PDB file of N, CA and C in Angstrom:
ATOM      1  N   MET A   1      -7.629-200.996-184.264  1.00  0.00           N
ATOM      2  CA  MET A   1      -8.036-199.653-183.883  1.00  0.00           C
ATOM      3  C   MET A   1      -8.432-199.604-182.397  1.00  0.00           C
ATOM      4  N   ASP A   2      -9.170-200.663-181.964  1.00  0.00           N
ATOM      5  CA  ASP A   2      -9.585-200.722-180.560  1.00  0.00           C
ATOM      6  C   ASP A   2      -8.370-200.784-179.639  1.00  0.00           C
ATOM      7  N   ASP A   3      -7.375-201.591-180.035  1.00  0.00           N
ATOM      8  CA  ASP A   3      -6.168-201.702-179.221  1.00  0.00           C
ATOM      9  C   ASP A   3      -5.446-200.364-179.121  1.00  0.00           C
ATOM     10  N   MET A   4      -5.402-199.635-180.240  1.00  0.00           N
ATOM     11  CA  MET A   4      -4.744-198.332-180.245  1.00  0.00           C
ATOM     12  C   MET A   4      -5.450-197.373-179.281  1.00  0.00           C
ATOM     13  N   LEU A   5      -6.764-197.407-179.268  1.00  0.00           N
ATOM     14  CA  LEU A   5      -7.534-196.554-178.359  1.00  0.00           C
ATOM     15  C   LEU A   5      -7.310-196.975-176.905  1.00  0.00           C
ATOM     16  N   ASP A   6      -7.271-198.289-176.661  1.00  0.00           N
ATOM     17  CA  ASP A   6      -7.035-198.787-175.304  1.00  0.00           C
ATOM     18  C   ASP A   6      -5.664-198.356-174.791  1.00  0.00           C
ATOM     19  N   VAL A   7      -4.648-198.466-175.637  1.00  0.00           N
ATOM     20  CA  VAL A   7      -3.294-198.077-175.248  1.00  0.00           C
ATOM     21  C   VAL A   7      -3.242-196.579-174.970  1.00  0.00           C
ATOM     22  N   GLY A   8      -3.876-195.788-175.826  1.00  0.00           N
ATOM     23  CA  GLY A   8      -3.912-194.341-175.633  1.00  0.00           C
ATOM     24  C   GLY A   8      -4.578-193.959-174.319  1.00  0.00           C
ATOM     25  N   CYS A   9      -5.699-194.609-174.009  1.00  0.00           N
ATOM     26  CA  CYS A   9      -6.407-194.336-172.749  1.00  0.00           C
ATOM     27  C   CYS A   9      -5.563-194.745-171.550  1.00  0.00           C
ATOM     28  N   LEU A  10      -4.902-195.883-171.654  1.00  0.00           N
ATOM     29  CA  LEU A  10      -4.042-196.338-170.567  1.00  0.00           C
ATOM     30  C   LEU A  10      -2.883-195.376-170.346  1.00  0.00           C
ATOM     31  N   MET A  11      -2.292-194.913-171.424  1.00  0.00           N
ATOM     32  CA  MET A  11      -1.193-193.957-171.312  1.00  0.00           C
ATOM     33  C   MET A  11      -1.663-192.673-170.648  1.00  0.00           C
ATOM     34  N   LEU A  12      -2.788-192.155-171.081  1.00  0.00           N
ATOM     35  CA  LEU A  12      -3.320-190.925-170.494  1.00  0.00           C
ATOM     36  C   LEU A  12      -3.624-191.109-169.004  1.00  0.00           C
ATOM     37  N   ALA A  13      -4.137-192.282-168.642  1.00  0.00           N
ATOM     38  CA  ALA A  13      -4.502-192.540-167.245  1.00  0.00           C
ATOM     39  C   ALA A  13      -3.286-192.536-166.324  1.00  0.00           C
ATOM     40  N   THR A  14      -2.115-192.838-166.871  1.00  0.00           N
ATOM     41  CA  THR A  14      -0.910-192.897-166.032  1.00  0.00           C
ATOM     42  C   THR A  14      -0.132-191.585-166.011  1.00  0.00           C
ATOM     43  N   MET A  15      -0.597-190.593-166.739  1.00  0.00           N
ATOM     44  CA  MET A  15       0.106-189.308-166.823  1.00  0.00           C
ATOM     45  C   MET A  15      -0.375-188.336-165.754  1.00  0.00           C
ATOM     46  N   THR A  16       0.472-187.357-165.497  1.00  0.00           N
ATOM     47  CA  THR A  16       0.073-186.262-164.616  1.00  0.00           C
ATOM     48  C   THR A  16      -0.982-185.437-165.354  1.00  0.00           C
ATOM     49  N   PRO A  17      -1.784-184.676-164.625  1.00  0.00           N
ATOM     50  CA  PRO A  17      -2.810-183.865-165.293  1.00  0.00           C
ATOM     51  C   PRO A  17      -2.241-182.921-166.366  1.00  0.00           C
ATOM     52  N   LYS A  18      -1.066-182.360-166.103  1.00  0.00           N
ATOM     53  CA  LYS A  18      -0.452-181.452-167.072  1.00  0.00           C
ATOM     54  C   LYS A  18      -0.115-182.198-168.363  1.00  0.00           C
ATOM     55  N   LEU A  19       0.476-183.381-168.249  1.00  0.00           N
ATOM     56  CA  LEU A  19       0.794-184.171-169.440  1.00  0.00           C
ATOM     57  C   LEU A  19      -0.472-184.659-170.138  1.00  0.00           C
ATOM     58  N   GLN A  20      -1.506-184.986-169.370  1.00  0.00           N
ATOM     59  CA  GLN A  20      -2.775-185.421-169.965  1.00  0.00           C
ATOM     60  C   GLN A  20      -3.326-184.343-170.896  1.00  0.00           C
ATOM     61  N   LYS A  21      -3.304-183.098-170.425  1.00  0.00           N
ATOM     62  CA  LYS A  21      -3.815-181.994-171.247  1.00  0.00           C
ATOM     63  C   LYS A  21      -3.026-181.850-172.544  1.00  0.00           C
ATOM     64  N   GLN A  22      -1.697-182.027-172.459  1.00  0.00           N
ATOM     65  CA  GLN A  22      -0.850-181.895-173.645  1.00  0.00           C
ATOM     66  C   GLN A  22      -1.092-183.013-174.655  1.00  0.00           C
ATOM     67  N   HIS A  23      -1.541-184.177-174.187  1.00  0.00           N
ATOM     68  CA  HIS A  23      -1.623-185.349-175.053  1.00  0.00           C
ATOM     69  C   HIS A  23      -3.046-185.855-175.313  1.00  0.00           C
ATOM     70  N   GLU A  24      -4.048-185.180-174.801  1.00  0.00           N
ATOM     71  CA  GLU A  24      -5.405-185.702-174.891  1.00  0.00           C
ATOM     72  C   GLU A  24      -5.938-185.844-176.320  1.00  0.00           C
ATOM     73  N   ASP A  25      -5.404-185.085-177.253  1.00  0.00           N
ATOM     74  CA  ASP A  25      -5.886-185.168-178.633  1.00  0.00           C
ATOM     75  C   ASP A  25      -4.954-185.966-179.545  1.00  0.00           C
ATOM     76  N   MET A  26      -4.045-186.737-178.945  1.00  0.00           N
ATOM     77  CA  MET A  26      -3.074-187.509-179.723  1.00  0.00           C
ATOM     78  C   MET A  26      -3.390-188.990-179.664  1.00  0.00           C
ATOM     79  N   ILE A  27      -2.982-189.714-180.702  1.00  0.00           N
ATOM     80  CA  ILE A  27      -3.055-191.169-180.655  1.00  0.00           C
ATOM     81  C   ILE A  27      -1.808-191.677-179.925  1.00  0.00           C
ATOM     82  N   ALA A  28      -1.809-192.950-179.575  1.00  0.00           N
ATOM     83  CA  ALA A  28      -0.732-193.520-178.758  1.00  0.00           C
ATOM     84  C   ALA A  28       0.644-193.281-179.382  1.00  0.00           C
ATOM     85  N   TYR A  29       0.789-193.506-180.665  1.00  0.00           N
ATOM     86  CA  TYR A  29       2.091-193.337-181.323  1.00  0.00           C
ATOM     87  C   TYR A  29       2.580-191.891-181.194  1.00  0.00           C
ATOM     88  N   GLU A  30       1.690-190.924-181.409  1.00  0.00           N
ATOM     89  CA  GLU A  30       2.068-189.518-181.289  1.00  0.00           C
ATOM     90  C   GLU A  30       2.467-189.179-179.849  1.00  0.00           C
ATOM     91  N   MET A  31       1.760-189.766-178.874  1.00  0.00           N
ATOM     92  CA  MET A  31       2.114-189.536-177.467  1.00  0.00           C
ATOM     93  C   MET A  31       3.529-190.035-177.191  1.00  0.00           C
ATOM     94  N   ILE A  32       3.826-191.233-177.674  1.00  0.00           N
ATOM     95  CA  ILE A  32       5.151-191.809-177.450  1.00  0.00           C
ATOM     96  C   ILE A  32       6.222-190.931-178.070  1.00  0.00           C
ATOM     97  N   GLN A  33       6.014-190.489-179.277  1.00  0.00           N
ATOM     98  CA  GLN A  33       6.995-189.637-179.957  1.00  0.00           C
ATOM     99  C   GLN A  33       7.194-188.319-179.194  1.00  0.00           C
ATOM    100  N   ASN A  34       6.096-187.737-178.758  1.00  0.00           N
ATOM    101  CA  ASN A  34       6.184-186.473-178.033  1.00  0.00           C
ATOM    102  C   ASN A  34       6.884-186.647-176.687  1.00  0.00           C
ATOM    103  N   LEU A  35       6.587-187.715-175.973  1.00  0.00           N
ATOM    104  CA  LEU A  35       7.232-187.981-174.690  1.00  0.00           C
ATOM    105  C   LEU A  35       8.730-188.227-174.868  1.00  0.00           C
ATOM    106  N   LYS A  36       9.097-188.904-175.946  1.00  0.00           N
ATOM    107  CA  LYS A  36      10.516-189.108-176.245  1.00  0.00           C
ATOM    108  C   LYS A  36      11.216-187.770-176.423  1.00  0.00           C
ATOM    109  N   GLU A  37      10.606-186.881-177.188  1.00  0.00           N
ATOM    110  CA  GLU A  37      11.204-185.559-177.416  1.00  0.00           C
ATOM    111  C   GLU A  37      11.385-184.806-176.097  1.00  0.00           C
ATOM    112  N   ILE A  38      10.376-184.857-175.263  1.00  0.00           N
ATOM    113  CA  ILE A  38      10.426-184.134-173.991  1.00  0.00           C
ATOM    114  C   ILE A  38      11.520-184.690-173.093  1.00  0.00           C
ATOM    115  N   TYR A  39      11.532-186.008-172.896  1.00  0.00           N
ATOM    116  CA  TYR A  39      12.394-186.604-171.880  1.00  0.00           C
ATOM    117  C   TYR A  39      13.790-186.957-172.369  1.00  0.00           C
ATOM    118  N   GLU A  40      13.990-187.165-173.665  1.00  0.00           N
ATOM    119  CA  GLU A  40      15.343-187.412-174.152  1.00  0.00           C
ATOM    120  C   GLU A  40      16.215-186.175-173.977  1.00  0.00           C
ATOM    121  N   GLY A  41      15.652-185.016-174.217  1.00  0.00           N
ATOM    122  CA  GLY A  41      16.394-183.774-174.019  1.00  0.00           C
ATOM    123  C   GLY A  41      16.781-183.584-172.569  1.00  0.00           C
ATOM    124  N   GLN A  42      15.865-183.901-171.668  1.00  0.00           N
ATOM    125  CA  GLN A  42      16.158-183.794-170.236  1.00  0.00           C
ATOM    126  C   GLN A  42      17.230-184.795-169.824  1.00  0.00           C
ATOM    127  N   ALA A  43      17.153-186.009-170.358  1.00  0.00           N
ATOM    128  CA  ALA A  43      18.138-187.039-170.017  1.00  0.00           C
ATOM    129  C   ALA A  43      19.521-186.651-170.527  1.00  0.00           C
ATOM    130  N   LEU A  44      19.591-186.074-171.722  1.00  0.00           N
ATOM    131  CA  LEU A  44      20.881-185.624-172.253  1.00  0.00           C
ATOM    132  C   LEU A  44      21.482-184.541-171.369  1.00  0.00           C
ATOM    133  N   GLN A  45      20.661-183.595-170.953  1.00  0.00           N
ATOM    134  CA  GLN A  45      21.136-182.519-170.083  1.00  0.00           C
ATOM    135  C   GLN A  45      21.600-183.082-168.744  1.00  0.00           C
ATOM    136  N   GLU A  46      20.826-184.008-168.185  1.00  0.00           N
ATOM    137  CA  GLU A  46      21.195-184.588-166.895  1.00  0.00           C
ATOM    138  C   GLU A  46      22.467-185.424-167.001  1.00  0.00           C
ATOM    139  N   SER A  47      22.623-186.180-168.091  1.00  0.00           N
ATOM    140  CA  SER A  47      23.849-186.970-168.241  1.00  0.00           C
ATOM    141  C   SER A  47      25.054-186.059-168.431  1.00  0.00           C
ATOM    142  N   TYR A  48      24.867-184.933-169.121  1.00  0.00           N
ATOM    143  CA  TYR A  48      25.962-183.967-169.282  1.00  0.00           C
ATOM    144  C   TYR A  48      26.392-183.413-167.920  1.00  0.00           C
ATOM    145  N   GLU A  49      25.417-182.983-167.127  1.00  0.00           N
ATOM    146  CA  GLU A  49      25.726-182.404-165.819  1.00  0.00           C
ATOM    147  C   GLU A  49      26.360-183.442-164.892  1.00  0.00           C
ATOM    148  N   THR A  50      25.866-184.664-164.927  1.00  0.00           N
ATOM    149  CA  THR A  50      26.406-185.714-164.066  1.00  0.00           C
ATOM    150  C   THR A  50      27.821-186.091-164.483  1.00  0.00           C
ATOM    151  N   SER A  51      28.054-186.239-165.782  1.00  0.00           N
ATOM    152  CA  SER A  51      29.409-186.596-166.231  1.00  0.00           C
ATOM    153  C   SER A  51      30.387-185.456-165.941  1.00  0.00           C
ATOM    154  N   LYS A  52      29.934-184.236-166.062  1.00  0.00           N
ATOM    155  CA  LYS A  52      30.783-183.094-165.728  1.00  0.00           C
ATOM    156  C   LYS A  52      31.182-183.137-164.259  1.00  0.00           C
ATOM    157  N   ALA A  53      30.212-183.395-163.379  1.00  0.00           N
ATOM    158  CA  ALA A  53      30.494-183.482-161.945  1.00  0.00           C
ATOM    159  C   ALA A  53      31.442-184.643-161.655  1.00  0.00           C
ATOM    160  N   LEU A  54      31.237-185.767-162.320  1.00  0.00           N
ATOM    161  CA  LEU A  54      32.093-186.938-162.111  1.00  0.00           C
ATOM    162  C   LEU A  54      33.527-186.648-162.509  1.00  0.00           C
ATOM    163  N   PHE A  55      33.722-186.130-163.702  1.00  0.00           N
ATOM    164  CA  PHE A  55      35.075-185.930-164.211  1.00  0.00           C
ATOM    165  C   PHE A  55      35.801-184.753-163.552  1.00  0.00           C
ATOM    166  N   GLN A  56      35.066-183.840-162.954  1.00  0.00           N
ATOM    167  CA  GLN A  56      35.701-182.718-162.263  1.00  0.00           C
ATOM    168  C   GLN A  56      35.892-182.975-160.761  1.00  0.00           C
ATOM    169  N   CYS A  57      35.361-184.071-160.279  1.00  0.00           N
ATOM    170  CA  CYS A  57      35.417-184.363-158.845  1.00  0.00           C
ATOM    171  C   CYS A  57      36.846-184.695-158.430  1.00  0.00           C
ATOM    172  N   LYS A  58      37.309-184.035-157.389  1.00  0.00           N
ATOM    173  CA  LYS A  58      38.664-184.258-156.855  1.00  0.00           C
ATOM    174  C   LYS A  58      38.547-184.298-155.337  1.00  0.00           C
ATOM    175  N   MET A  59      39.121-185.326-154.746  1.00  0.00           N
ATOM    176  CA  MET A  59      39.072-185.489-153.302  1.00  0.00           C
ATOM    177  C   MET A  59      40.036-184.518-152.639  1.00  0.00           C
ATOM    178  N   SER A  60      39.576-183.837-151.606  1.00  0.00           N
ATOM    179  CA  SER A  60      40.473-182.964-150.850  1.00  0.00           C
ATOM    180  C   SER A  60      41.239-183.804-149.825  1.00  0.00           C
ATOM    181  N   GLU A  61      42.389-183.324-149.424  1.00  0.00           N
ATOM    182  CA  GLU A  61      43.265-184.077-148.519  1.00  0.00           C
ATOM    183  C   GLU A  61      42.578-184.441-147.197  1.00  0.00           C
ATOM    184  N   GLU A  62      41.737-183.557-146.700  1.00  0.00           N
ATOM    185  CA  GLU A  62      41.154-183.797-145.377  1.00  0.00           C
ATOM    186  C   GLU A  62      39.835-184.574-145.412  1.00  0.00           C
ATOM    187  N   SER A  63      39.290-184.842-146.570  1.00  0.00           N
ATOM    188  CA  SER A  63      38.005-185.550-146.626  1.00  0.00           C
ATOM    189  C   SER A  63      38.213-187.070-146.548  1.00  0.00           C
ATOM    190  N   PRO A  64      37.232-187.793-145.994  1.00  0.00           N
ATOM    191  CA  PRO A  64      37.357-189.254-145.886  1.00  0.00           C
ATOM    192  C   PRO A  64      37.212-189.923-147.256  1.00  0.00           C
ATOM    193  N   VAL A  65      38.058-190.906-147.505  1.00  0.00           N
ATOM    194  CA  VAL A  65      38.067-191.578-148.807  1.00  0.00           C
ATOM    195  C   VAL A  65      36.762-192.332-149.057  1.00  0.00           C
ATOM    196  N   GLY A  66      36.190-192.925-148.014  1.00  0.00           N
ATOM    197  CA  GLY A  66      34.949-193.677-148.189  1.00  0.00           C
ATOM    198  C   GLY A  66      33.815-192.817-148.723  1.00  0.00           C
ATOM    199  N   ALA A  67      33.633-191.660-148.127  1.00  0.00           N
ATOM    200  CA  ALA A  67      32.575-190.747-148.571  1.00  0.00           C
ATOM    201  C   ALA A  67      32.825-190.278-149.998  1.00  0.00           C
ATOM    202  N   HIS A  68      34.079-190.039-150.328  1.00  0.00           N
ATOM    203  CA  HIS A  68      34.427-189.597-151.681  1.00  0.00           C
ATOM    204  C   HIS A  68      34.101-190.681-152.715  1.00  0.00           C
ATOM    205  N   VAL A  69      34.490-191.909-152.425  1.00  0.00           N
ATOM    206  CA  VAL A  69      34.236-193.008-153.367  1.00  0.00           C
ATOM    207  C   VAL A  69      32.738-193.255-153.514  1.00  0.00           C
ATOM    208  N   ILE A  70      31.987-193.173-152.422  1.00  0.00           N
ATOM    209  CA  ILE A  70      30.532-193.341-152.496  1.00  0.00           C
ATOM    210  C   ILE A  70      29.913-192.249-153.371  1.00  0.00           C
ATOM    211  N   LYS A  71      30.396-191.032-153.235  1.00  0.00           N
ATOM    212  CA  LYS A  71      29.913-189.923-154.066  1.00  0.00           C
ATOM    213  C   LYS A  71      30.194-190.211-155.545  1.00  0.00           C
ATOM    214  N   MET A  72      31.416-190.669-155.843  1.00  0.00           N
ATOM    215  CA  MET A  72      31.788-190.983-157.220  1.00  0.00           C
ATOM    216  C   MET A  72      30.933-192.128-157.772  1.00  0.00           C
ATOM    217  N   MET A  73      30.710-193.150-156.964  1.00  0.00           N
ATOM    218  CA  MET A  73      29.883-194.280-157.393  1.00  0.00           C
ATOM    219  C   MET A  73      28.446-193.830-157.661  1.00  0.00           C
ATOM    220  N   GLY A  74      27.969-192.866-156.886  1.00  0.00           N
ATOM    221  CA  GLY A  74      26.635-192.316-157.134  1.00  0.00           C
ATOM    222  C   GLY A  74      26.549-191.674-158.507  1.00  0.00           C
ATOM    223  N   TYR A  75      27.575-190.911-158.880  1.00  0.00           N
ATOM    224  CA  TYR A  75      27.602-190.316-160.221  1.00  0.00           C
ATOM    225  C   TYR A  75      27.617-191.400-161.297  1.00  0.00           C
ATOM    226  N   ILE A  76      28.424-192.424-161.080  1.00  0.00           N
ATOM    227  CA  ILE A  76      28.543-193.512-162.062  1.00  0.00           C
ATOM    228  C   ILE A  76      27.215-194.259-162.198  1.00  0.00           C
ATOM    229  N   GLN A  77      26.537-194.520-161.081  1.00  0.00           N
ATOM    230  CA  GLN A  77      25.242-195.196-161.122  1.00  0.00           C
ATOM    231  C   GLN A  77      24.183-194.330-161.801  1.00  0.00           C
ATOM    232  N   MET A  78      24.221-193.030-161.553  1.00  0.00           N
ATOM    233  CA  MET A  78      23.271-192.130-162.204  1.00  0.00           C
ATOM    234  C   MET A  78      23.470-192.151-163.715  1.00  0.00           C
ATOM    235  N   LEU A  79      24.721-192.135-164.155  1.00  0.00           N
ATOM    236  CA  LEU A  79      24.991-192.201-165.594  1.00  0.00           C
ATOM    237  C   LEU A  79      24.483-193.512-166.185  1.00  0.00           C
ATOM    238  N   LYS A  80      24.625-194.588-165.441  1.00  0.00           N
ATOM    239  CA  LYS A  80      24.124-195.880-165.915  1.00  0.00           C
ATOM    240  C   LYS A  80      22.609-195.837-166.081  1.00  0.00           C
ATOM    241  N   LYS A  81      21.915-195.235-165.128  1.00  0.00           N
ATOM    242  CA  LYS A  81      20.457-195.099-165.226  1.00  0.00           C
ATOM    243  C   LYS A  81      20.048-194.260-166.427  1.00  0.00           C
ATOM    244  N   LEU A  82      20.914-193.309-166.783  1.00  0.00           N
ATOM    245  CA  LEU A  82      20.636-192.434-167.922  1.00  0.00           C
ATOM    246  C   LEU A  82      21.137-193.033-169.237  1.00  0.00           C
ATOM    247  N   ARG A  83      21.543-194.298-169.185  1.00  0.00           N
ATOM    248  CA  ARG A  83      22.024-195.043-170.362  1.00  0.00           C
ATOM    249  C   ARG A  83      23.320-194.472-170.930  1.00  0.00           C
ATOM    250  N   PHE A  84      24.179-194.024-170.015  1.00  0.00           N
ATOM    251  CA  PHE A  84      25.504-193.517-170.375  1.00  0.00           C
ATOM    252  C   PHE A  84      26.511-194.220-169.470  1.00  0.00           C
ATOM    253  N   SER A  85      26.569-195.531-169.629  1.00  0.00           N
ATOM    254  CA  SER A  85      27.397-196.349-168.742  1.00  0.00           C
ATOM    255  C   SER A  85      28.874-196.218-169.057  1.00  0.00           C
ATOM    256  N   LEU A  86      29.675-196.245-168.009  1.00  0.00           N
ATOM    257  CA  LEU A  86      31.124-196.304-168.157  1.00  0.00           C
ATOM    258  C   LEU A  86      31.554-197.752-167.985  1.00  0.00           C
ATOM    259  N   LYS A  87      32.532-198.180-168.752  1.00  0.00           N
ATOM    260  CA  LYS A  87      33.090-199.504-168.533  1.00  0.00           C
ATOM    261  C   LYS A  87      33.753-199.502-167.162  1.00  0.00           C
ATOM    262  N   ASN A  88      33.818-200.670-166.535  1.00  0.00           N
ATOM    263  CA  ASN A  88      34.373-200.768-165.185  1.00  0.00           C
ATOM    264  C   ASN A  88      35.795-200.236-165.108  1.00  0.00           C
ATOM    265  N   GLU A  89      36.599-200.508-166.128  1.00  0.00           N
ATOM    266  CA  GLU A  89      37.986-200.049-166.123  1.00  0.00           C
ATOM    267  C   GLU A  89      38.064-198.522-166.122  1.00  0.00           C
ATOM    268  N   LEU A  90      37.229-197.886-166.938  1.00  0.00           N
ATOM    269  CA  LEU A  90      37.220-196.422-166.986  1.00  0.00           C
ATOM    270  C   LEU A  90      36.704-195.848-165.673  1.00  0.00           C
ATOM    271  N   ALA A  91      35.648-196.434-165.138  1.00  0.00           N
ATOM    272  CA  ALA A  91      35.102-195.959-163.862  1.00  0.00           C
ATOM    273  C   ALA A  91      36.155-196.057-162.763  1.00  0.00           C
ATOM    274  N   THR A  92      36.896-197.153-162.743  1.00  0.00           N
ATOM    275  CA  THR A  92      37.960-197.335-161.754  1.00  0.00           C
ATOM    276  C   THR A  92      39.040-196.279-161.933  1.00  0.00           C
ATOM    277  N   ASP A  93      39.447-196.048-163.172  1.00  0.00           N
ATOM    278  CA  ASP A  93      40.474-195.035-163.441  1.00  0.00           C
ATOM    279  C   ASP A  93      40.024-193.643-163.015  1.00  0.00           C
ATOM    280  N   VAL A  94      38.784-193.322-163.291  1.00  0.00           N
ATOM    281  CA  VAL A  94      38.261-191.999-162.922  1.00  0.00           C
ATOM    282  C   VAL A  94      38.287-191.836-161.405  1.00  0.00           C
ATOM    283  N   ILE A  95      37.881-192.867-160.688  1.00  0.00           N
ATOM    284  CA  ILE A  95      37.891-192.788-159.220  1.00  0.00           C
ATOM    285  C   ILE A  95      39.324-192.676-158.701  1.00  0.00           C
ATOM    286  N   LEU A  96      40.223-193.517-159.207  1.00  0.00           N
ATOM    287  CA  LEU A  96      41.604-193.470-158.741  1.00  0.00           C
ATOM    288  C   LEU A  96      42.253-192.115-159.031  1.00  0.00           C
ATOM    289  N   GLN A  97      41.970-191.551-160.193  1.00  0.00           N
ATOM    290  CA  GLN A  97      42.552-190.255-160.552  1.00  0.00           C
ATOM    291  C   GLN A  97      41.971-189.116-159.725  1.00  0.00           C
ATOM    292  N   SER A  98      40.802-189.331-159.143  1.00  0.00           N
ATOM    293  CA  SER A  98      40.176-188.274-158.345  1.00  0.00           C
ATOM    294  C   SER A  98      40.684-188.252-156.902  1.00  0.00           C
ATOM    295  N   LEU A  99      41.380-189.305-156.496  1.00  0.00           N
ATOM    296  CA  LEU A  99      41.869-189.372-155.115  1.00  0.00           C
ATOM    297  C   LEU A  99      42.958-188.336-154.877  1.00  0.00           C
ATOM    298  N   SER A 100      43.085-187.932-153.640  1.00  0.00           N
ATOM    299  CA  SER A 100      44.136-186.972-153.291  1.00  0.00           C
ATOM    300  C   SER A 100      45.501-187.633-153.452  1.00  0.00           C
ATOM    301  N   ASP A 101      46.532-186.811-153.564  1.00  0.00           N
ATOM    302  CA  ASP A 101      47.887-187.311-153.801  1.00  0.00           C
ATOM    303  C   ASP A 101      48.366-188.264-152.710  1.00  0.00           C
ATOM    304  N   SER A 102      47.854-188.121-151.513  1.00  0.00           N
ATOM    305  CA  SER A 102      48.298-188.997-150.429  1.00  0.00           C
ATOM    306  C   SER A 102      47.888-190.462-150.659  1.00  0.00           C
ATOM    307  N   PHE A 103      46.949-190.717-151.568  1.00  0.00           N
ATOM    308  CA  PHE A 103      46.528-192.088-151.866  1.00  0.00           C
ATOM    309  C   PHE A 103      47.241-192.688-153.071  1.00  0.00           C
ATOM    310  N   LYS A 104      48.056-191.927-153.761  1.00  0.00           N
ATOM    311  CA  LYS A 104      48.760-192.435-154.940  1.00  0.00           C
ATOM    312  C   LYS A 104      49.620-193.666-154.646  1.00  0.00           C
ATOM    313  N   PRO A 105      50.290-193.753-153.476  1.00  0.00           N
ATOM    314  CA  PRO A 105      51.091-194.954-153.194  1.00  0.00           C
ATOM    315  C   PRO A 105      50.260-196.243-153.122  1.00  0.00           C
ATOM    316  N   PHE A 106      48.972-196.139-152.881  1.00  0.00           N
ATOM    317  CA  PHE A 106      48.111-197.301-152.769  1.00  0.00           C
ATOM    318  C   PHE A 106      47.486-197.704-154.103  1.00  0.00           C
ATOM    319  N   CYS A 107      47.684-196.906-155.126  1.00  0.00           N
ATOM    320  CA  CYS A 107      47.125-197.173-156.442  1.00  0.00           C
ATOM    321  C   CYS A 107      48.122-198.000-157.247  1.00  0.00           C
ATOM    322  N   PRO A 108      47.623-198.852-158.127  1.00  0.00           N
ATOM    323  CA  PRO A 108      48.536-199.634-158.968  1.00  0.00           C
ATOM    324  C   PRO A 108      49.481-198.733-159.770  1.00  0.00           C
ATOM    325  N   GLU A 109      50.756-199.075-159.768  1.00  0.00           N
ATOM    326  CA  GLU A 109      51.757-198.241-160.433  1.00  0.00           C
ATOM    327  C   GLU A 109      51.538-198.098-161.927  1.00  0.00           C
ATOM    328  N   PHE A 110      51.064-199.162-162.579  1.00  0.00           N
ATOM    329  CA  PHE A 110      50.916-199.097-164.036  1.00  0.00           C
ATOM    330  C   PHE A 110      49.945-198.026-164.475  1.00  0.00           C
ATOM    331  N   ARG A 111      49.090-197.581-163.601  1.00  0.00           N
ATOM    332  CA  ARG A 111      48.106-196.558-163.961  1.00  0.00           C
ATOM    333  C   ARG A 111      48.704-195.158-163.966  1.00  0.00           C
ATOM    334  N   TYR A 112      49.889-194.974-163.389  1.00  0.00           N
ATOM    335  CA  TYR A 112      50.430-193.637-163.243  1.00  0.00           C
ATOM    336  C   TYR A 112      51.827-193.485-163.816  1.00  0.00           C
ATOM    337  N   LYS A 113      52.241-194.338-164.714  1.00  0.00           N
ATOM    338  CA  LYS A 113      53.586-194.225-165.318  1.00  0.00           C
ATOM    339  C   LYS A 113      53.536-193.306-166.516  1.00  0.00           C
TER     340      LYS A 113
END
């Protein structure tokens, strides 16, 4: 019981004042469950928006390829942080498919047959 109270106090001490007010009458387990509900929904929404941006991203002919690839890698890294990782092969395919047509000759042929 003492450990449960200690954990609850520690959790409250690390929260913002707004979250503290929401959780001050809860035990540690209830706080964890409530925080999961709050932040899992946000993570799902963020992973949806990030994956949408990743899969819709298309490089324009006049933009530099380096900046485009860095932007795509940022989306891929964000998805990884949100626990929605892409396998390396899929990530590579998504990036290659997003390149402008002028880069198709530099891409492996087997990917575009």
